[in-house]
Each structure stands twice: as C-alpha cells, then as structure tokens.
C-alpha cells in the first residue's frame, strides 16, 4: 500500500490552483495511492470545504495537529478512529493541568515580554475549561498565537515552552493565512500547540495499521 501524506493549506490546496490539486489527486488514484490530509485544522473545519468541493475528498484526514484521525466511508462521510483516541488517552495528557499552567505563562509574558503577545487561540473557551465549566475544546491539544520578529525569537519561544512543558510535543508553525492578509514588516504571527503526539506520530500509526510501505510526505510542517 502506498500513500501521499500532505498538509492541506498552501500544499494540497492553494486558492487559484484547484486544477493542480485535482491533477495530483487523480494521479494518486490512478496508481491506487491513498490520499491522507495532515492538518492543524479540526475535522469540522475541513469537512465543509470537502462538501463545497473546494478540494477532492481524501481517504483519511489527520486533524488537529495529529490528535485525531478520520477515515472515509463515502465521498463526504467519515468515521473517527477510536482506537487512536484510546491510544492518546493512555498517554496521560492532563489537559486541565496544562491549560492552567499555560494561563500562568501567558500572564508572566504579558508583563515580561508584552511584544510576544502570547494568547490562547480561543481564550473564552480555555478560560471556561480552566474553571471546569462546559467548554468546546480539543481534548488533546492546547493552542496559542504569538508574535515574533525573527526566527531567533521563534526558537526562544519553543525553548520556553519545552522547559515549561517537558515530555510533551511543542509544535510551532507560521500562521500563513493571517500573515498574508495582515502584512507586517516587523513581526510574523505563529501558532504553537502543546500535544501528546506529533503529526509524524499519527503518520507512523497509520503506516503500521494499514501496512503502508511507500509514502510521500509533503508540507510546511
């Protein structure tokens, strides 16, 4: 079995290049390759775009930066891989403790390095979750935005997160959509996620599960 593992935005899909996306997809199907989208986006953000035919329906969606997997049962119907969710549960990812510690880090940087502008990606939901109120949050992902003037500042933020959250995956990516629509010559906005597993971990899980022996991985992250 062979598969294409591809990031979604600005890799598999780029506005204005839909015919190229379709050509890549068709070539994969002609050679019986699985098409697997690997994205930071959640499944509920990807599915409407498939329904709207923004891009062809992949065989599998690895969403939320590798923390959930969805397999197609029809053109626009997918089921979540519960075995994978159980695997993540066993890793002991204590989201409440992580979110509370992250809130403290945000407050510290607000006073010590305000230019970083570190914030939760969804502040209201995270605050509700911290207060153990009903909140719509991803169970295995805590996400933030921050600003950086150069790659050295990005590296420093990564080191700070790794020190604060040892043993966890820290994934940082350029918030390309925001930076393209809100150009700033001094700073760039970045996304950072705290995770129990990486995108690569999800890919390795699928390769073992489906006995994939040949794969191409494409994407900025």
N, C-alpha and C. Protein backbone atom coordinates (compact mmCIF):
# COMPACT_ATOMS: atom_id res chain seq x y z
N UNK A 1 0.85 -1.19 0.00
CA UNK A 1 0.00 0.00 0.00
C UNK A 1 0.89 1.24 0.00
N UNK A 2 0.50 2.24 -0.78
CA UNK A 2 1.24 3.49 -0.86
C UNK A 2 0.32 4.65 -0.51
N UNK A 3 0.90 5.75 -0.05
CA UNK A 3 0.08 6.88 0.36
C UNK A 3 0.81 8.20 0.18
N UNK A 4 0.03 9.25 -0.11
CA UNK A 4 0.52 10.62 -0.08
C UNK A 4 0.02 11.24 1.21
N UNK A 5 0.94 11.67 2.06
CA UNK A 5 0.61 12.40 3.28
C UNK A 5 0.90 13.87 3.03
N UNK A 6 -0.12 14.69 3.01
CA UNK A 6 0.09 16.08 2.62
C UNK A 6 -0.61 17.06 3.55
N UNK A 7 0.11 18.14 3.87
CA UNK A 7 -0.52 19.26 4.56
C UNK A 7 -1.63 19.79 3.65
N UNK A 8 -2.56 20.54 4.24
CA UNK A 8 -3.71 20.99 3.46
C UNK A 8 -3.45 22.35 2.81
N UNK A 9 -3.56 23.41 3.58
CA UNK A 9 -3.50 24.75 3.01
C UNK A 9 -2.08 25.11 2.56
N UNK A 10 -2.01 25.64 1.35
CA UNK A 10 -0.77 26.05 0.70
C UNK A 10 0.16 24.87 0.39
N UNK A 11 -0.40 23.66 0.44
CA UNK A 11 0.33 22.48 -0.02
C UNK A 11 -0.58 21.69 -0.96
N UNK A 12 -1.55 20.97 -0.39
CA UNK A 12 -2.51 20.24 -1.23
C UNK A 12 -3.49 21.21 -1.88
N UNK A 13 -3.87 22.25 -1.12
CA UNK A 13 -4.82 23.23 -1.66
C UNK A 13 -4.23 24.64 -1.59
N UNK A 14 -4.31 25.35 -2.72
CA UNK A 14 -3.96 26.76 -2.77
C UNK A 14 -4.96 27.43 -3.70
N UNK A 15 -5.62 28.45 -3.18
CA UNK A 15 -6.65 29.14 -3.96
C UNK A 15 -6.09 29.60 -5.30
N UNK A 16 -6.83 29.28 -6.36
CA UNK A 16 -6.39 29.64 -7.70
C UNK A 16 -5.67 28.51 -8.43
N UNK A 17 -5.32 27.44 -7.67
CA UNK A 17 -4.61 26.32 -8.26
C UNK A 17 -5.40 25.01 -8.08
N UNK A 18 -6.73 25.14 -8.09
CA UNK A 18 -7.57 23.98 -7.86
C UNK A 18 -7.37 22.88 -8.90
N UNK A 19 -7.06 23.27 -10.14
CA UNK A 19 -6.86 22.25 -11.18
C UNK A 19 -5.59 21.43 -10.90
N UNK A 20 -4.60 22.06 -10.30
CA UNK A 20 -3.37 21.35 -9.94
C UNK A 20 -3.67 20.35 -8.83
N UNK A 21 -4.46 20.79 -7.83
CA UNK A 21 -4.86 19.89 -6.75
C UNK A 21 -5.57 18.67 -7.31
N UNK A 22 -6.50 18.90 -8.23
CA UNK A 22 -7.26 17.80 -8.82
C UNK A 22 -6.34 16.87 -9.60
N UNK A 23 -5.34 17.43 -10.29
CA UNK A 23 -4.42 16.60 -11.06
C UNK A 23 -3.59 15.71 -10.14
N UNK A 24 -3.10 16.27 -9.04
CA UNK A 24 -2.34 15.47 -8.07
C UNK A 24 -3.20 14.35 -7.51
N UNK A 25 -4.44 14.70 -7.17
CA UNK A 25 -5.36 13.70 -6.63
C UNK A 25 -5.62 12.59 -7.65
N UNK A 26 -5.86 12.97 -8.89
CA UNK A 26 -6.16 11.99 -9.93
C UNK A 26 -4.97 11.05 -10.16
N UNK A 27 -3.76 11.59 -10.14
CA UNK A 27 -2.57 10.75 -10.32
C UNK A 27 -2.47 9.73 -9.19
N UNK A 28 -2.73 10.17 -7.97
CA UNK A 28 -2.71 9.25 -6.83
C UNK A 28 -3.73 8.13 -7.02
N UNK A 29 -4.92 8.49 -7.43
CA UNK A 29 -5.97 7.49 -7.60
C UNK A 29 -5.65 6.52 -8.74
N UNK A 30 -5.03 7.05 -9.80
CA UNK A 30 -4.65 6.19 -10.93
C UNK A 30 -3.66 5.11 -10.52
N UNK A 31 -2.85 5.43 -9.49
CA UNK A 31 -1.84 4.48 -9.03
C UNK A 31 -2.23 3.81 -7.71
N UNK A 32 -3.52 3.95 -7.35
CA UNK A 32 -4.06 3.32 -6.13
C UNK A 32 -3.34 3.77 -4.87
N UNK A 33 -2.95 5.03 -4.84
CA UNK A 33 -2.35 5.61 -3.63
C UNK A 33 -3.45 6.19 -2.75
N UNK A 34 -3.33 5.99 -1.45
CA UNK A 34 -4.20 6.69 -0.51
C UNK A 34 -3.81 8.15 -0.45
N UNK A 35 -4.78 9.03 -0.30
CA UNK A 35 -4.51 10.45 -0.10
C UNK A 35 -4.89 10.80 1.34
N UNK A 36 -3.90 11.21 2.10
CA UNK A 36 -4.10 11.50 3.52
C UNK A 36 -3.76 12.96 3.79
N UNK A 37 -4.75 13.73 4.21
CA UNK A 37 -4.50 15.12 4.58
C UNK A 37 -4.06 15.17 6.03
N UNK A 38 -2.95 15.87 6.27
CA UNK A 38 -2.40 16.01 7.62
C UNK A 38 -2.40 17.50 7.94
N UNK A 39 -3.28 17.93 8.85
CA UNK A 39 -3.51 19.36 9.03
C UNK A 39 -3.66 19.75 10.49
N UNK A 40 -3.41 21.01 10.76
CA UNK A 40 -3.67 21.54 12.08
C UNK A 40 -5.13 21.85 12.29
N UNK A 41 -5.88 21.92 11.20
CA UNK A 41 -7.31 22.22 11.28
C UNK A 41 -8.08 21.05 11.88
N UNK A 42 -9.19 21.37 12.53
CA UNK A 42 -10.06 20.34 13.04
C UNK A 42 -10.92 19.74 11.94
N UNK A 43 -11.43 18.54 12.20
CA UNK A 43 -12.26 17.85 11.20
C UNK A 43 -13.47 18.70 10.81
N UNK A 44 -14.08 19.36 11.78
CA UNK A 44 -15.28 20.16 11.50
C UNK A 44 -14.97 21.40 10.66
N UNK A 45 -13.70 21.75 10.55
CA UNK A 45 -13.31 22.84 9.67
C UNK A 45 -12.95 22.35 8.27
N UNK A 46 -12.57 21.07 8.17
CA UNK A 46 -12.18 20.50 6.87
C UNK A 46 -13.39 19.98 6.10
N UNK A 47 -14.30 19.29 6.79
CA UNK A 47 -15.42 18.64 6.10
C UNK A 47 -16.27 19.60 5.28
N UNK A 48 -16.65 20.78 5.79
CA UNK A 48 -17.46 21.69 4.95
C UNK A 48 -16.76 22.08 3.66
N UNK A 49 -15.44 22.15 3.68
CA UNK A 49 -14.69 22.51 2.47
C UNK A 49 -14.72 21.36 1.46
N UNK A 50 -14.76 20.13 1.96
CA UNK A 50 -14.89 18.98 1.06
C UNK A 50 -16.28 18.96 0.44
N UNK A 51 -17.29 19.20 1.28
CA UNK A 51 -18.68 19.23 0.80
C UNK A 51 -18.86 20.32 -0.25
N UNK A 52 -18.18 21.46 -0.05
CA UNK A 52 -18.27 22.57 -1.01
C UNK A 52 -17.39 22.34 -2.24
N UNK A 53 -16.73 21.16 -2.29
CA UNK A 53 -15.86 20.77 -3.40
C UNK A 53 -14.70 21.74 -3.62
N UNK A 54 -14.19 22.28 -2.50
CA UNK A 54 -13.02 23.14 -2.58
C UNK A 54 -11.80 22.34 -3.01
N UNK A 55 -11.78 21.06 -2.59
CA UNK A 55 -10.73 20.13 -2.99
C UNK A 55 -11.30 18.72 -2.91
N UNK A 56 -10.68 17.75 -3.59
CA UNK A 56 -11.21 16.38 -3.60
C UNK A 56 -11.19 15.76 -2.20
N UNK A 57 -12.12 14.86 -1.98
CA UNK A 57 -12.23 14.20 -0.67
C UNK A 57 -11.09 13.22 -0.46
N UNK A 58 -10.27 13.42 0.58
CA UNK A 58 -9.17 12.49 0.84
C UNK A 58 -9.70 11.18 1.43
N UNK A 59 -8.86 10.17 1.41
CA UNK A 59 -9.24 8.89 2.02
C UNK A 59 -9.23 8.99 3.54
N UNK A 60 -8.28 9.76 4.06
CA UNK A 60 -8.11 9.89 5.50
C UNK A 60 -7.75 11.33 5.84
N UNK A 61 -8.27 11.80 6.97
CA UNK A 61 -7.91 13.13 7.48
C UNK A 61 -7.25 12.96 8.84
N UNK A 62 -6.01 13.41 8.95
CA UNK A 62 -5.35 13.53 10.26
C UNK A 62 -5.52 14.98 10.66
N UNK A 63 -6.34 15.24 11.66
CA UNK A 63 -6.67 16.61 12.03
C UNK A 63 -6.09 17.02 13.38
N UNK A 64 -6.28 18.32 13.68
CA UNK A 64 -5.86 18.87 14.97
C UNK A 64 -4.41 18.52 15.31
N UNK A 65 -3.53 18.75 14.34
CA UNK A 65 -2.08 18.56 14.51
C UNK A 65 -1.75 17.14 14.97
N UNK A 66 -2.42 16.16 14.35
CA UNK A 66 -2.08 14.77 14.63
C UNK A 66 -2.83 14.13 15.78
N UNK A 67 -3.84 14.82 16.35
CA UNK A 67 -4.51 14.27 17.53
C UNK A 67 -5.86 13.63 17.24
N UNK A 68 -6.27 13.59 16.00
CA UNK A 68 -7.42 12.76 15.64
C UNK A 68 -7.30 12.29 14.19
N UNK A 69 -7.93 11.15 13.90
CA UNK A 69 -7.86 10.54 12.59
C UNK A 69 -9.26 10.16 12.15
N UNK A 70 -9.60 10.53 10.90
CA UNK A 70 -10.92 10.26 10.34
C UNK A 70 -10.76 9.54 9.01
N UNK A 71 -11.49 8.44 8.83
CA UNK A 71 -11.40 7.62 7.62
C UNK A 71 -12.71 7.68 6.85
N UNK A 72 -12.62 7.80 5.55
CA UNK A 72 -13.83 7.95 4.74
C UNK A 72 -14.61 6.64 4.65
N UNK A 73 -15.93 6.78 4.68
CA UNK A 73 -16.84 5.67 4.40
C UNK A 73 -17.72 6.01 3.20
N UNK A 74 -17.44 7.12 2.58
CA UNK A 74 -18.20 7.62 1.44
C UNK A 74 -17.59 8.95 1.05
N UNK A 75 -18.06 9.57 0.01
CA UNK A 75 -17.42 10.78 -0.51
C UNK A 75 -17.33 11.88 0.55
N UNK A 76 -18.39 12.09 1.32
CA UNK A 76 -18.35 13.14 2.35
C UNK A 76 -18.70 12.58 3.73
N UNK A 77 -18.50 11.28 3.92
CA UNK A 77 -18.78 10.66 5.21
C UNK A 77 -17.49 10.07 5.78
N UNK A 78 -17.23 10.40 7.05
CA UNK A 78 -16.01 9.93 7.71
C UNK A 78 -16.35 9.42 9.11
N UNK A 79 -15.57 8.47 9.58
CA UNK A 79 -15.70 7.98 10.96
C UNK A 79 -14.37 8.18 11.67
N UNK A 80 -14.45 8.51 12.95
CA UNK A 80 -13.24 8.73 13.73
C UNK A 80 -12.64 7.41 14.18
N UNK A 81 -11.32 7.36 14.19
CA UNK A 81 -10.58 6.18 14.62
C UNK A 81 -10.54 6.19 16.16
N UNK A 82 -11.42 5.40 16.78
CA UNK A 82 -11.50 5.38 18.24
C UNK A 82 -10.30 4.66 18.86
N UNK A 83 -9.73 3.73 18.14
CA UNK A 83 -8.54 3.04 18.64
C UNK A 83 -7.40 4.04 18.84
N UNK A 84 -7.28 4.98 17.92
CA UNK A 84 -6.25 6.00 18.04
C UNK A 84 -6.54 6.93 19.22
N UNK A 85 -7.82 7.28 19.41
CA UNK A 85 -8.19 8.12 20.55
C UNK A 85 -7.86 7.43 21.86
N UNK A 86 -8.12 6.13 21.92
CA UNK A 86 -7.79 5.36 23.13
C UNK A 86 -6.29 5.36 23.38
N UNK A 87 -5.54 5.27 22.31
CA UNK A 87 -4.07 5.29 22.42
C UNK A 87 -3.60 6.61 23.02
N UNK A 88 -4.19 7.73 22.57
CA UNK A 88 -3.81 9.03 23.11
C UNK A 88 -4.22 9.16 24.58
N UNK A 89 -5.38 8.62 24.91
CA UNK A 89 -5.86 8.68 26.29
C UNK A 89 -4.87 8.00 27.24
N UNK A 90 -4.28 6.94 26.79
CA UNK A 90 -3.35 6.18 27.62
C UNK A 90 -2.03 6.92 27.84
N UNK A 91 -1.79 8.00 27.09
CA UNK A 91 -0.55 8.75 27.25
C UNK A 91 -0.58 9.67 28.47
N UNK A 92 -1.77 9.82 29.08
CA UNK A 92 -1.88 10.62 30.30
C UNK A 92 -1.76 12.12 30.09
N UNK A 93 -2.33 12.62 29.01
CA UNK A 93 -2.31 14.05 28.70
C UNK A 93 -3.32 14.76 29.61
N UNK A 94 -2.82 15.42 30.66
CA UNK A 94 -3.70 16.09 31.63
C UNK A 94 -3.98 17.51 31.15
N UNK A 95 -5.04 17.66 30.39
CA UNK A 95 -5.29 18.94 29.74
C UNK A 95 -5.57 20.06 30.73
N UNK A 96 -6.25 19.78 31.82
CA UNK A 96 -6.58 20.82 32.78
C UNK A 96 -5.32 21.40 33.42
N UNK A 97 -4.42 20.54 33.83
CA UNK A 97 -3.17 21.00 34.43
C UNK A 97 -2.37 21.82 33.42
N UNK A 98 -2.32 21.35 32.18
CA UNK A 98 -1.57 22.05 31.13
C UNK A 98 -2.17 23.42 30.85
N UNK A 99 -3.49 23.50 30.75
CA UNK A 99 -4.15 24.77 30.46
C UNK A 99 -3.94 25.78 31.58
N UNK A 100 -4.00 25.31 32.82
CA UNK A 100 -3.78 26.21 33.96
C UNK A 100 -2.35 26.72 33.99
N UNK A 101 -1.41 25.85 33.71
CA UNK A 101 -0.01 26.26 33.68
C UNK A 101 0.23 27.23 32.53
N UNK A 102 -0.43 26.98 31.41
CA UNK A 102 -0.28 27.86 30.25
C UNK A 102 -0.86 29.24 30.54
N UNK A 103 -1.96 29.29 31.25
CA UNK A 103 -2.55 30.58 31.61
C UNK A 103 -1.57 31.40 32.46
N UNK A 104 -0.87 30.73 33.36
CA UNK A 104 0.13 31.41 34.19
C UNK A 104 1.28 31.92 33.33
N UNK A 105 1.69 31.12 32.33
CA UNK A 105 2.77 31.53 31.43
C UNK A 105 2.36 32.75 30.62
N UNK A 106 1.13 32.77 30.16
CA UNK A 106 0.61 33.91 29.40
C UNK A 106 0.68 35.18 30.24
N UNK A 107 0.26 35.09 31.50
CA UNK A 107 0.28 36.26 32.38
C UNK A 107 1.71 36.74 32.63
N UNK A 108 2.63 35.80 32.81
CA UNK A 108 4.02 36.16 33.03
C UNK A 108 4.60 36.91 31.84
N UNK A 109 4.36 36.37 30.63
CA UNK A 109 4.90 37.01 29.42
C UNK A 109 4.21 38.34 29.13
N UNK A 110 2.96 38.48 29.56
CA UNK A 110 2.25 39.74 29.36
C UNK A 110 3.00 40.88 30.05
N UNK A 111 3.60 40.58 31.19
CA UNK A 111 4.34 41.60 31.95
C UNK A 111 5.80 41.67 31.53
N UNK A 112 6.42 40.53 31.24
CA UNK A 112 7.85 40.50 30.98
C UNK A 112 8.21 40.69 29.51
N UNK A 113 7.36 40.18 28.60
CA UNK A 113 7.63 40.29 27.17
C UNK A 113 6.31 40.59 26.43
N UNK A 114 5.73 41.77 26.65
CA UNK A 114 4.43 42.06 26.04
C UNK A 114 4.43 42.03 24.52
N UNK A 115 5.61 42.26 23.92
CA UNK A 115 5.69 42.26 22.45
C UNK A 115 5.42 40.88 21.86
N UNK A 116 5.57 39.84 22.66
CA UNK A 116 5.31 38.48 22.17
C UNK A 116 3.82 38.25 21.94
N UNK A 117 2.99 38.93 22.75
CA UNK A 117 1.53 38.85 22.60
C UNK A 117 1.01 37.41 22.62
N UNK A 118 1.51 36.62 23.55
CA UNK A 118 1.07 35.22 23.67
C UNK A 118 -0.35 35.16 24.19
N UNK A 119 -1.22 34.46 23.45
CA UNK A 119 -2.62 34.30 23.86
C UNK A 119 -3.10 32.91 23.47
N UNK A 120 -4.11 32.41 24.19
CA UNK A 120 -4.79 31.22 23.73
C UNK A 120 -5.43 31.51 22.38
N UNK A 121 -5.51 30.50 21.52
CA UNK A 121 -6.20 30.70 20.25
C UNK A 121 -7.69 30.94 20.46
N UNK A 122 -8.25 30.31 21.49
CA UNK A 122 -9.67 30.51 21.80
C UNK A 122 -9.78 30.82 23.29
N UNK A 123 -9.50 32.08 23.67
CA UNK A 123 -9.41 32.45 25.08
C UNK A 123 -10.66 32.15 25.90
N UNK A 124 -11.83 32.47 25.37
CA UNK A 124 -13.05 32.28 26.16
C UNK A 124 -13.28 30.81 26.47
N UNK A 125 -13.06 29.94 25.49
CA UNK A 125 -13.25 28.51 25.70
C UNK A 125 -12.25 27.97 26.71
N UNK A 126 -10.99 28.43 26.61
CA UNK A 126 -9.95 27.94 27.52
C UNK A 126 -10.20 28.40 28.96
N UNK A 127 -10.63 29.63 29.14
CA UNK A 127 -10.92 30.12 30.49
C UNK A 127 -12.08 29.35 31.10
N UNK A 128 -13.10 29.08 30.29
CA UNK A 128 -14.23 28.28 30.77
C UNK A 128 -13.77 26.88 31.16
N UNK A 129 -12.91 26.30 30.35
CA UNK A 129 -12.39 24.96 30.64
C UNK A 129 -11.59 24.96 31.93
N UNK A 130 -10.75 25.98 32.12
CA UNK A 130 -9.93 26.08 33.33
C UNK A 130 -10.81 26.16 34.58
N UNK A 131 -11.94 26.83 34.45
CA UNK A 131 -12.89 26.94 35.58
C UNK A 131 -13.84 25.75 35.63
N UNK A 132 -13.52 24.72 34.83
CA UNK A 132 -14.28 23.47 34.78
C UNK A 132 -15.75 23.70 34.45
N UNK A 133 -15.98 24.68 33.58
CA UNK A 133 -17.30 24.91 33.02
C UNK A 133 -17.38 24.20 31.67
N UNK A 134 -18.58 24.07 31.15
CA UNK A 134 -18.74 23.43 29.85
C UNK A 134 -18.02 24.24 28.78
N UNK A 135 -17.14 23.58 28.04
CA UNK A 135 -16.34 24.29 27.04
C UNK A 135 -16.04 23.38 25.88
N UNK A 136 -16.09 23.94 24.67
CA UNK A 136 -15.79 23.20 23.45
C UNK A 136 -14.30 23.33 23.15
N UNK A 137 -13.51 22.39 23.68
CA UNK A 137 -12.06 22.40 23.45
C UNK A 137 -11.64 21.04 22.93
N UNK A 138 -10.51 21.04 22.22
CA UNK A 138 -9.96 19.78 21.74
C UNK A 138 -9.31 19.04 22.92
N UNK A 139 -9.61 17.75 23.10
CA UNK A 139 -9.13 17.05 24.30
C UNK A 139 -7.63 16.84 24.37
N UNK A 140 -6.95 16.81 23.21
CA UNK A 140 -5.52 16.51 23.22
C UNK A 140 -4.70 17.61 22.55
N UNK A 141 -5.16 18.84 22.67
CA UNK A 141 -4.43 19.95 22.05
C UNK A 141 -4.75 21.24 22.79
N UNK A 142 -3.70 21.98 23.18
CA UNK A 142 -3.85 23.32 23.75
C UNK A 142 -3.08 24.26 22.84
N UNK A 143 -3.76 25.28 22.31
CA UNK A 143 -3.19 26.07 21.21
C UNK A 143 -3.12 27.56 21.53
N UNK A 144 -2.11 28.21 20.94
CA UNK A 144 -1.82 29.62 21.20
C UNK A 144 -1.40 30.33 19.91
N UNK A 145 -1.43 31.67 19.99
CA UNK A 145 -0.80 32.52 18.99
C UNK A 145 0.28 33.33 19.69
N UNK A 146 1.33 33.66 18.95
CA UNK A 146 2.32 34.62 19.46
C UNK A 146 2.96 35.32 18.27
N UNK A 147 3.58 36.46 18.55
CA UNK A 147 4.25 37.25 17.52
C UNK A 147 5.75 37.16 17.71
N UNK A 148 6.49 37.16 16.61
CA UNK A 148 7.95 37.12 16.67
C UNK A 148 8.54 37.95 15.54
N UNK A 149 9.65 38.64 15.85
CA UNK A 149 10.29 39.50 14.86
C UNK A 149 11.25 38.73 13.96
N UNK A 150 11.74 37.57 14.42
CA UNK A 150 12.69 36.80 13.64
C UNK A 150 12.68 35.35 14.11
N UNK A 151 13.42 34.50 13.40
CA UNK A 151 13.43 33.08 13.74
C UNK A 151 14.11 32.81 15.08
N UNK A 152 15.01 33.70 15.48
CA UNK A 152 15.63 33.55 16.79
C UNK A 152 14.60 33.67 17.90
N UNK A 153 13.64 34.58 17.74
CA UNK A 153 12.58 34.75 18.72
C UNK A 153 11.65 33.53 18.72
N UNK A 154 11.46 32.92 17.56
CA UNK A 154 10.64 31.70 17.48
C UNK A 154 11.34 30.57 18.22
N UNK A 155 12.63 30.43 18.01
CA UNK A 155 13.40 29.40 18.70
C UNK A 155 13.35 29.60 20.21
N UNK A 156 13.41 30.86 20.64
CA UNK A 156 13.37 31.17 22.07
C UNK A 156 12.01 30.77 22.66
N UNK A 157 10.95 31.02 21.92
CA UNK A 157 9.62 30.64 22.39
C UNK A 157 9.49 29.12 22.47
N UNK A 158 10.02 28.43 21.48
CA UNK A 158 9.99 26.97 21.52
C UNK A 158 10.74 26.44 22.74
N UNK A 159 11.90 27.00 23.02
CA UNK A 159 12.68 26.58 24.18
C UNK A 159 11.93 26.85 25.48
N UNK A 160 11.25 27.98 25.54
CA UNK A 160 10.47 28.34 26.73
C UNK A 160 9.34 27.34 26.97
N UNK A 161 8.64 26.97 25.91
CA UNK A 161 7.54 26.01 26.02
C UNK A 161 8.06 24.62 26.39
N UNK A 162 9.18 24.22 25.80
CA UNK A 162 9.72 22.90 26.10
C UNK A 162 10.16 22.81 27.56
N UNK A 163 10.67 23.90 28.10
CA UNK A 163 11.06 23.92 29.50
C UNK A 163 9.84 23.89 30.41
N UNK A 164 8.79 24.61 30.02
CA UNK A 164 7.58 24.68 30.84
C UNK A 164 6.75 23.41 30.77
N UNK A 165 6.84 22.69 29.65
CA UNK A 165 6.01 21.50 29.44
C UNK A 165 6.88 20.33 28.99
N UNK A 166 7.77 19.86 29.85
CA UNK A 166 8.69 18.77 29.48
C UNK A 166 7.93 17.48 29.19
N UNK A 167 8.45 16.74 28.21
CA UNK A 167 7.85 15.46 27.87
C UNK A 167 6.69 15.54 26.91
N UNK A 168 6.30 16.77 26.53
CA UNK A 168 5.19 16.95 25.59
C UNK A 168 5.72 17.48 24.25
N UNK A 169 4.93 17.31 23.22
CA UNK A 169 5.29 17.80 21.89
C UNK A 169 4.92 19.28 21.79
N UNK A 170 5.88 20.09 21.37
CA UNK A 170 5.62 21.52 21.11
C UNK A 170 5.75 21.74 19.60
N UNK A 171 4.63 22.07 18.97
CA UNK A 171 4.60 22.25 17.51
C UNK A 171 4.37 23.72 17.19
N UNK A 172 5.28 24.31 16.44
CA UNK A 172 5.17 25.72 16.05
C UNK A 172 5.11 25.83 14.54
N UNK A 173 4.19 26.64 14.05
CA UNK A 173 4.07 26.85 12.60
C UNK A 173 3.71 28.30 12.32
N UNK A 174 4.10 28.76 11.17
CA UNK A 174 3.77 30.11 10.74
C UNK A 174 2.29 30.20 10.44
N UNK A 175 1.63 31.24 10.98
CA UNK A 175 0.21 31.45 10.71
C UNK A 175 0.09 32.16 9.36
N UNK A 176 0.31 31.38 8.30
CA UNK A 176 0.48 31.95 6.97
C UNK A 176 -0.75 32.72 6.49
N UNK A 177 -1.93 32.22 6.79
CA UNK A 177 -3.16 32.90 6.34
C UNK A 177 -3.25 34.28 6.97
N UNK A 178 -3.01 34.36 8.26
CA UNK A 178 -3.07 35.66 8.96
C UNK A 178 -1.99 36.60 8.42
N UNK A 179 -0.79 36.08 8.27
CA UNK A 179 0.32 36.94 7.85
C UNK A 179 0.16 37.43 6.42
N UNK A 180 -0.50 36.63 5.59
CA UNK A 180 -0.72 37.05 4.22
C UNK A 180 -1.78 38.16 4.14
N UNK A 181 -2.80 38.06 4.97
CA UNK A 181 -3.91 39.04 4.93
C UNK A 181 -3.66 40.23 5.85
N UNK A 182 -2.69 40.10 6.77
CA UNK A 182 -2.35 41.20 7.68
C UNK A 182 -0.83 41.42 7.66
N UNK A 183 -0.29 41.87 6.53
CA UNK A 183 1.16 42.00 6.41
C UNK A 183 1.74 43.00 7.41
N UNK A 184 2.85 42.61 8.01
CA UNK A 184 3.54 43.46 8.98
C UNK A 184 5.04 43.26 8.77
N UNK A 185 5.75 44.30 8.43
CA UNK A 185 7.17 44.15 8.10
C UNK A 185 8.04 43.92 9.33
N UNK A 186 7.46 44.09 10.52
CA UNK A 186 8.25 43.94 11.74
C UNK A 186 8.05 42.58 12.42
N UNK A 187 6.86 42.04 12.37
CA UNK A 187 6.59 40.78 13.06
C UNK A 187 5.79 39.82 12.20
N UNK A 188 5.86 38.55 12.56
CA UNK A 188 5.05 37.49 11.97
C UNK A 188 4.28 36.81 13.11
N UNK A 189 3.09 36.34 12.79
CA UNK A 189 2.32 35.60 13.80
C UNK A 189 2.54 34.10 13.62
N UNK A 190 2.63 33.41 14.74
CA UNK A 190 2.87 31.97 14.74
C UNK A 190 1.82 31.26 15.59
N UNK A 191 1.63 30.00 15.28
CA UNK A 191 0.77 29.12 16.08
C UNK A 191 1.67 28.18 16.86
N UNK A 192 1.31 27.91 18.10
CA UNK A 192 2.04 26.92 18.88
C UNK A 192 1.02 26.01 19.56
N UNK A 193 1.29 24.71 19.50
CA UNK A 193 0.39 23.71 20.08
C UNK A 193 1.16 22.84 21.06
N UNK A 194 0.51 22.53 22.19
CA UNK A 194 1.03 21.55 23.13
C UNK A 194 0.25 20.27 22.90
N UNK A 195 0.97 19.16 22.67
CA UNK A 195 0.34 17.92 22.21
C UNK A 195 0.98 16.70 22.89
N UNK A 196 0.24 15.60 22.93
CA UNK A 196 0.84 14.36 23.41
C UNK A 196 1.55 13.57 22.30
N UNK A 197 1.26 13.93 21.06
CA UNK A 197 1.80 13.21 19.91
C UNK A 197 1.96 14.20 18.75
N UNK A 198 2.88 13.93 17.85
CA UNK A 198 3.12 14.81 16.71
C UNK A 198 2.36 14.33 15.48
N UNK A 199 2.36 15.15 14.42
CA UNK A 199 1.81 14.70 13.14
C UNK A 199 2.53 13.44 12.68
N UNK A 200 3.84 13.41 12.89
CA UNK A 200 4.62 12.24 12.49
C UNK A 200 4.17 11.00 13.23
N UNK A 201 3.82 11.16 14.51
CA UNK A 201 3.33 10.03 15.28
C UNK A 201 2.04 9.46 14.71
N UNK A 202 1.16 10.35 14.25
CA UNK A 202 -0.09 9.89 13.63
C UNK A 202 0.18 9.19 12.31
N UNK A 203 1.14 9.71 11.54
CA UNK A 203 1.50 9.08 10.27
C UNK A 203 2.06 7.68 10.52
N UNK A 204 2.95 7.55 11.50
CA UNK A 204 3.53 6.25 11.81
C UNK A 204 2.46 5.26 12.26
N UNK A 205 1.50 5.74 13.03
CA UNK A 205 0.38 4.89 13.47
C UNK A 205 -0.36 4.34 12.26
N UNK A 206 -0.68 5.21 11.30
CA UNK A 206 -1.42 4.78 10.10
C UNK A 206 -0.59 3.83 9.25
N UNK A 207 0.70 4.11 9.13
CA UNK A 207 1.55 3.25 8.32
C UNK A 207 1.58 1.83 8.90
N UNK A 208 1.64 1.73 10.22
CA UNK A 208 1.63 0.41 10.86
C UNK A 208 0.27 -0.26 10.75
N UNK A 209 -0.79 0.54 10.96
CA UNK A 209 -2.14 -0.01 10.94
C UNK A 209 -2.53 -0.53 9.57
N UNK A 210 -2.19 0.23 8.53
CA UNK A 210 -2.62 -0.10 7.16
C UNK A 210 -1.54 -0.80 6.35
N UNK A 211 -0.39 -1.03 6.97
CA UNK A 211 0.74 -1.68 6.30
C UNK A 211 1.18 -0.89 5.07
N UNK A 212 1.27 0.42 5.25
CA UNK A 212 1.74 1.29 4.18
C UNK A 212 3.27 1.15 4.08
N UNK A 213 3.74 0.78 2.92
CA UNK A 213 5.18 0.56 2.74
C UNK A 213 5.84 1.67 1.95
N UNK A 214 5.06 2.46 1.23
CA UNK A 214 5.61 3.55 0.43
C UNK A 214 4.82 4.81 0.72
N UNK A 215 5.51 5.89 1.05
CA UNK A 215 4.81 7.12 1.36
C UNK A 215 5.58 8.33 0.94
N UNK A 216 4.85 9.38 0.55
CA UNK A 216 5.43 10.69 0.25
C UNK A 216 4.82 11.66 1.24
N UNK A 217 5.67 12.42 1.92
CA UNK A 217 5.19 13.40 2.90
C UNK A 217 5.49 14.79 2.35
N UNK A 218 4.46 15.67 2.31
CA UNK A 218 4.62 16.99 1.76
C UNK A 218 3.96 18.02 2.67
N UNK A 219 4.64 19.16 2.88
CA UNK A 219 4.03 20.21 3.69
C UNK A 219 5.05 21.08 4.37
N UNK A 220 4.59 22.23 4.88
CA UNK A 220 5.48 23.18 5.53
C UNK A 220 5.79 22.77 6.97
N UNK A 221 5.04 21.83 7.52
CA UNK A 221 5.29 21.45 8.92
C UNK A 221 5.59 19.95 9.05
